[in-house]
N, C-alpha and C. Protein backbone atom coordinates (compact mmCIF):
# COMPACT_ATOMS: atom_id res chain seq x y z
N MET A 1 13.87 -20.70 20.96
CA MET A 1 13.22 -20.17 19.76
C MET A 1 13.44 -18.66 19.72
N GLY A 2 13.90 -18.14 18.59
CA GLY A 2 14.15 -16.71 18.44
C GLY A 2 12.86 -15.93 18.26
N LYS A 3 12.97 -14.62 18.40
CA LYS A 3 11.79 -13.76 18.27
C LYS A 3 11.16 -13.85 16.88
N LEU A 4 12.01 -13.89 15.83
CA LEU A 4 11.48 -13.95 14.47
C LEU A 4 10.74 -15.25 14.22
N SER A 5 11.32 -16.38 14.64
CA SER A 5 10.65 -17.66 14.39
C SER A 5 9.35 -17.75 15.19
N ARG A 6 9.32 -17.14 16.38
CA ARG A 6 8.09 -17.12 17.18
C ARG A 6 7.01 -16.30 16.47
N ARG A 7 7.43 -15.15 15.90
CA ARG A 7 6.47 -14.31 15.16
C ARG A 7 5.90 -15.05 13.97
N VAL A 8 6.76 -15.73 13.23
CA VAL A 8 6.31 -16.50 12.07
C VAL A 8 5.35 -17.59 12.50
N GLU A 9 5.66 -18.25 13.60
CA GLU A 9 4.79 -19.31 14.12
C GLU A 9 3.41 -18.76 14.48
N VAL A 10 3.37 -17.62 15.15
CA VAL A 10 2.10 -16.99 15.54
C VAL A 10 1.31 -16.59 14.30
N LEU A 11 1.98 -15.98 13.32
CA LEU A 11 1.30 -15.57 12.09
C LEU A 11 0.74 -16.77 11.34
N GLU A 12 1.51 -17.86 11.29
CA GLU A 12 1.02 -19.05 10.60
C GLU A 12 -0.19 -19.64 11.32
N LYS A 13 -0.17 -19.60 12.64
CA LYS A 13 -1.26 -20.19 13.41
C LYS A 13 -2.52 -19.33 13.39
N PHE A 14 -2.36 -18.02 13.65
CA PHE A 14 -3.51 -17.15 13.82
C PHE A 14 -3.78 -16.25 12.62
N GLY A 15 -2.76 -15.88 11.90
CA GLY A 15 -2.91 -14.93 10.81
C GLY A 15 -3.82 -15.43 9.71
N LYS A 16 -3.64 -16.65 9.29
CA LYS A 16 -4.46 -17.19 8.20
C LYS A 16 -5.92 -17.30 8.60
N ALA A 17 -6.15 -17.67 9.84
CA ALA A 17 -7.52 -17.84 10.30
C ALA A 17 -8.25 -16.49 10.37
N ARG A 18 -7.53 -15.40 10.59
CA ARG A 18 -8.15 -14.10 10.73
C ARG A 18 -8.03 -13.24 9.48
N GLY A 19 -7.55 -13.81 8.40
CA GLY A 19 -7.44 -13.07 7.16
C GLY A 19 -6.27 -12.10 7.13
N TYR A 20 -5.23 -12.36 7.90
CA TYR A 20 -4.07 -11.48 7.93
C TYR A 20 -3.35 -11.53 6.59
N VAL A 21 -3.06 -10.35 6.04
CA VAL A 21 -2.33 -10.27 4.79
C VAL A 21 -1.26 -9.20 4.96
N GLU A 22 -0.02 -9.53 4.64
CA GLU A 22 1.04 -8.53 4.68
C GLU A 22 1.06 -7.78 3.38
N HIS A 23 1.17 -6.46 3.44
CA HIS A 23 1.19 -5.62 2.26
C HIS A 23 2.54 -4.93 2.14
N ASP A 24 2.95 -4.65 0.94
CA ASP A 24 4.20 -3.96 0.69
C ASP A 24 3.98 -2.45 0.65
N LEU A 25 5.07 -1.71 0.85
CA LEU A 25 5.04 -0.26 0.74
C LEU A 25 5.56 0.15 -0.63
N ILE A 26 5.05 1.27 -1.12
CA ILE A 26 5.52 1.81 -2.40
C ILE A 26 5.61 3.32 -2.26
N ALA A 27 6.62 3.89 -2.89
CA ALA A 27 6.79 5.35 -2.86
C ALA A 27 5.90 5.99 -3.92
N LEU A 28 5.24 7.08 -3.56
CA LEU A 28 4.39 7.79 -4.50
C LEU A 28 5.26 8.60 -5.45
N PRO A 29 4.97 8.58 -6.74
CA PRO A 29 5.84 9.23 -7.72
C PRO A 29 5.69 10.75 -7.82
N GLU A 30 4.64 11.31 -7.26
CA GLU A 30 4.44 12.76 -7.38
C GLU A 30 3.70 13.30 -6.17
N ASP A 31 3.76 14.63 -5.99
CA ASP A 31 3.04 15.29 -4.90
C ASP A 31 1.53 15.17 -5.11
N ILE A 32 0.79 15.03 -4.01
CA ILE A 32 -0.67 15.06 -4.06
C ILE A 32 -1.11 16.03 -2.96
N PRO A 33 -1.22 17.32 -3.30
CA PRO A 33 -1.54 18.34 -2.29
C PRO A 33 -2.85 18.09 -1.55
N ALA A 34 -3.85 17.55 -2.22
CA ALA A 34 -5.15 17.31 -1.57
C ALA A 34 -5.03 16.32 -0.42
N LEU A 35 -4.05 15.42 -0.50
CA LEU A 35 -3.83 14.45 0.57
C LEU A 35 -2.74 14.91 1.53
N GLY A 36 -2.04 15.97 1.15
CA GLY A 36 -0.96 16.47 1.99
C GLY A 36 0.27 15.59 1.96
N VAL A 37 0.55 14.95 0.83
CA VAL A 37 1.73 14.09 0.72
C VAL A 37 2.65 14.60 -0.39
N LYS A 38 3.92 14.37 -0.20
CA LYS A 38 4.94 14.77 -1.16
C LYS A 38 5.42 13.54 -1.94
N ALA A 39 6.03 13.78 -3.09
CA ALA A 39 6.62 12.70 -3.87
C ALA A 39 7.64 11.98 -2.99
N GLY A 40 7.62 10.67 -3.06
CA GLY A 40 8.53 9.87 -2.24
C GLY A 40 7.90 9.36 -0.96
N SER A 41 6.75 9.94 -0.55
CA SER A 41 6.03 9.43 0.62
C SER A 41 5.57 8.01 0.32
N GLU A 42 5.52 7.19 1.35
CA GLU A 42 5.14 5.80 1.13
C GLU A 42 3.67 5.55 1.41
N GLY A 43 3.12 4.60 0.66
CA GLY A 43 1.76 4.14 0.85
C GLY A 43 1.75 2.62 0.89
N ILE A 44 0.65 2.06 1.33
CA ILE A 44 0.51 0.61 1.47
C ILE A 44 -0.26 0.07 0.27
N ILE A 45 0.33 -0.87 -0.44
CA ILE A 45 -0.33 -1.47 -1.61
C ILE A 45 -1.44 -2.40 -1.11
N LYS A 46 -2.67 -2.13 -1.54
CA LYS A 46 -3.80 -2.97 -1.18
C LYS A 46 -4.05 -4.05 -2.22
N TRP A 47 -3.89 -3.71 -3.50
CA TRP A 47 -4.01 -4.72 -4.55
C TRP A 47 -3.27 -4.27 -5.79
N LEU A 48 -2.90 -5.26 -6.58
CA LEU A 48 -2.26 -5.02 -7.87
C LEU A 48 -3.14 -5.60 -8.95
N ASP A 49 -3.13 -4.99 -10.12
CA ASP A 49 -3.93 -5.49 -11.24
C ASP A 49 -3.09 -5.39 -12.51
N TYR A 50 -3.17 -6.42 -13.34
CA TYR A 50 -2.42 -6.45 -14.59
C TYR A 50 -3.40 -6.42 -15.74
N ARG A 51 -3.34 -5.34 -16.55
CA ARG A 51 -4.23 -5.21 -17.71
C ARG A 51 -3.45 -4.67 -18.90
N ARG A 52 -3.53 -5.37 -20.01
CA ARG A 52 -2.92 -4.93 -21.27
C ARG A 52 -1.48 -4.46 -21.11
N ASN A 53 -0.65 -5.29 -20.51
CA ASN A 53 0.78 -5.02 -20.30
C ASN A 53 1.06 -3.85 -19.36
N ASN A 54 0.09 -3.43 -18.59
CA ASN A 54 0.27 -2.39 -17.57
C ASN A 54 -0.05 -2.96 -16.20
N VAL A 55 0.68 -2.52 -15.19
CA VAL A 55 0.40 -2.93 -13.82
C VAL A 55 -0.12 -1.72 -13.06
N TYR A 56 -1.26 -1.89 -12.40
CA TYR A 56 -1.90 -0.83 -11.63
C TYR A 56 -1.92 -1.24 -10.16
N ALA A 57 -1.89 -0.25 -9.27
CA ALA A 57 -1.93 -0.52 -7.84
C ALA A 57 -2.93 0.40 -7.16
N ASP A 58 -3.63 -0.13 -6.18
CA ASP A 58 -4.46 0.67 -5.30
C ASP A 58 -3.65 0.84 -4.02
N VAL A 59 -3.34 2.07 -3.67
CA VAL A 59 -2.44 2.36 -2.56
C VAL A 59 -3.17 3.19 -1.52
N THR A 60 -3.06 2.78 -0.26
CA THR A 60 -3.64 3.54 0.84
C THR A 60 -2.54 4.38 1.47
N VAL A 61 -2.81 5.67 1.60
CA VAL A 61 -1.87 6.60 2.23
C VAL A 61 -2.39 6.86 3.64
N THR A 62 -1.49 6.78 4.64
CA THR A 62 -1.92 6.94 6.02
C THR A 62 -1.16 8.06 6.71
N TYR A 63 -1.73 8.52 7.83
CA TYR A 63 -1.03 9.45 8.71
C TYR A 63 0.00 8.64 9.50
N SER A 64 0.84 9.30 10.28
CA SER A 64 1.85 8.61 11.09
C SER A 64 1.18 7.70 12.13
N THR A 65 -0.08 7.96 12.46
CA THR A 65 -0.82 7.14 13.42
C THR A 65 -1.44 5.91 12.75
N ARG A 66 -1.21 5.77 11.45
CA ARG A 66 -1.76 4.67 10.62
C ARG A 66 -3.25 4.82 10.35
N GLN A 67 -3.82 5.98 10.66
CA GLN A 67 -5.19 6.27 10.26
C GLN A 67 -5.18 6.59 8.77
N PRO A 68 -6.19 6.14 8.00
CA PRO A 68 -6.18 6.40 6.57
C PRO A 68 -6.30 7.88 6.23
N ARG A 69 -5.47 8.32 5.30
CA ARG A 69 -5.48 9.70 4.82
C ARG A 69 -6.22 9.78 3.49
N GLY A 70 -6.05 8.73 2.69
CA GLY A 70 -6.68 8.70 1.38
C GLY A 70 -6.24 7.48 0.59
N SER A 71 -6.75 7.38 -0.61
CA SER A 71 -6.46 6.25 -1.48
C SER A 71 -5.96 6.78 -2.82
N VAL A 72 -4.98 6.09 -3.39
CA VAL A 72 -4.39 6.51 -4.66
C VAL A 72 -4.40 5.33 -5.61
N CYS A 73 -4.86 5.56 -6.84
CA CYS A 73 -4.75 4.56 -7.89
C CYS A 73 -3.59 5.00 -8.76
N MET A 74 -2.61 4.13 -8.93
CA MET A 74 -1.44 4.51 -9.71
C MET A 74 -1.02 3.42 -10.67
N GLU A 75 -0.39 3.86 -11.74
CA GLU A 75 0.17 2.94 -12.71
C GLU A 75 1.62 2.70 -12.30
N ILE A 76 2.04 1.43 -12.31
CA ILE A 76 3.41 1.11 -11.91
C ILE A 76 4.29 0.88 -13.14
N THR A 77 3.77 0.16 -14.11
CA THR A 77 4.52 -0.03 -15.36
C THR A 77 3.62 0.34 -16.52
N PRO A 78 4.09 0.88 -17.58
CA PRO A 78 5.49 1.07 -17.95
C PRO A 78 6.16 2.23 -17.23
N GLU A 79 5.41 3.18 -16.66
CA GLU A 79 6.01 4.27 -15.88
C GLU A 79 5.16 4.51 -14.65
N GLU A 80 5.80 4.94 -13.56
CA GLU A 80 5.04 5.22 -12.35
C GLU A 80 4.38 6.58 -12.46
N ARG A 81 3.05 6.60 -12.27
CA ARG A 81 2.31 7.86 -12.29
C ARG A 81 0.99 7.68 -11.56
N VAL A 82 0.50 8.76 -10.99
CA VAL A 82 -0.78 8.73 -10.29
C VAL A 82 -1.89 8.90 -11.31
N ILE A 83 -2.88 8.03 -11.25
CA ILE A 83 -4.04 8.10 -12.14
C ILE A 83 -5.17 8.87 -11.48
N SER A 84 -5.45 8.51 -10.22
CA SER A 84 -6.51 9.20 -9.49
C SER A 84 -6.25 9.04 -7.98
N TYR A 85 -6.98 9.81 -7.20
CA TYR A 85 -6.87 9.70 -5.75
C TYR A 85 -8.21 10.11 -5.13
N SER A 86 -8.42 9.72 -3.89
CA SER A 86 -9.60 10.15 -3.15
C SER A 86 -9.18 10.45 -1.72
N VAL A 87 -9.78 11.46 -1.13
CA VAL A 87 -9.49 11.85 0.24
C VAL A 87 -10.32 10.97 1.16
N GLY A 88 -9.74 10.49 2.24
CA GLY A 88 -10.41 9.56 3.14
C GLY A 88 -10.43 8.19 2.51
N ALA A 89 -10.68 7.18 3.32
CA ALA A 89 -10.66 5.82 2.74
C ALA A 89 -11.72 4.93 3.31
């Protein structure tokens, strides 16, 4: 059994029982000086919401240690832009 198939097996067995959810990364469209991040920095998508033909995302921005730096609410479609942010999470 390869490493990847073993990982998938472990996630299927234990991940679902513990509420494991894989999240995607998204690049931030603009600088956010209060969080100390530049445009193009990546954040972790926590949830997506679809309202009136617009898609919104709640994104957590972390330090390199994966400690939370802040949270960003952004619009993904029709154009990527930051709506709001908060320091700490």
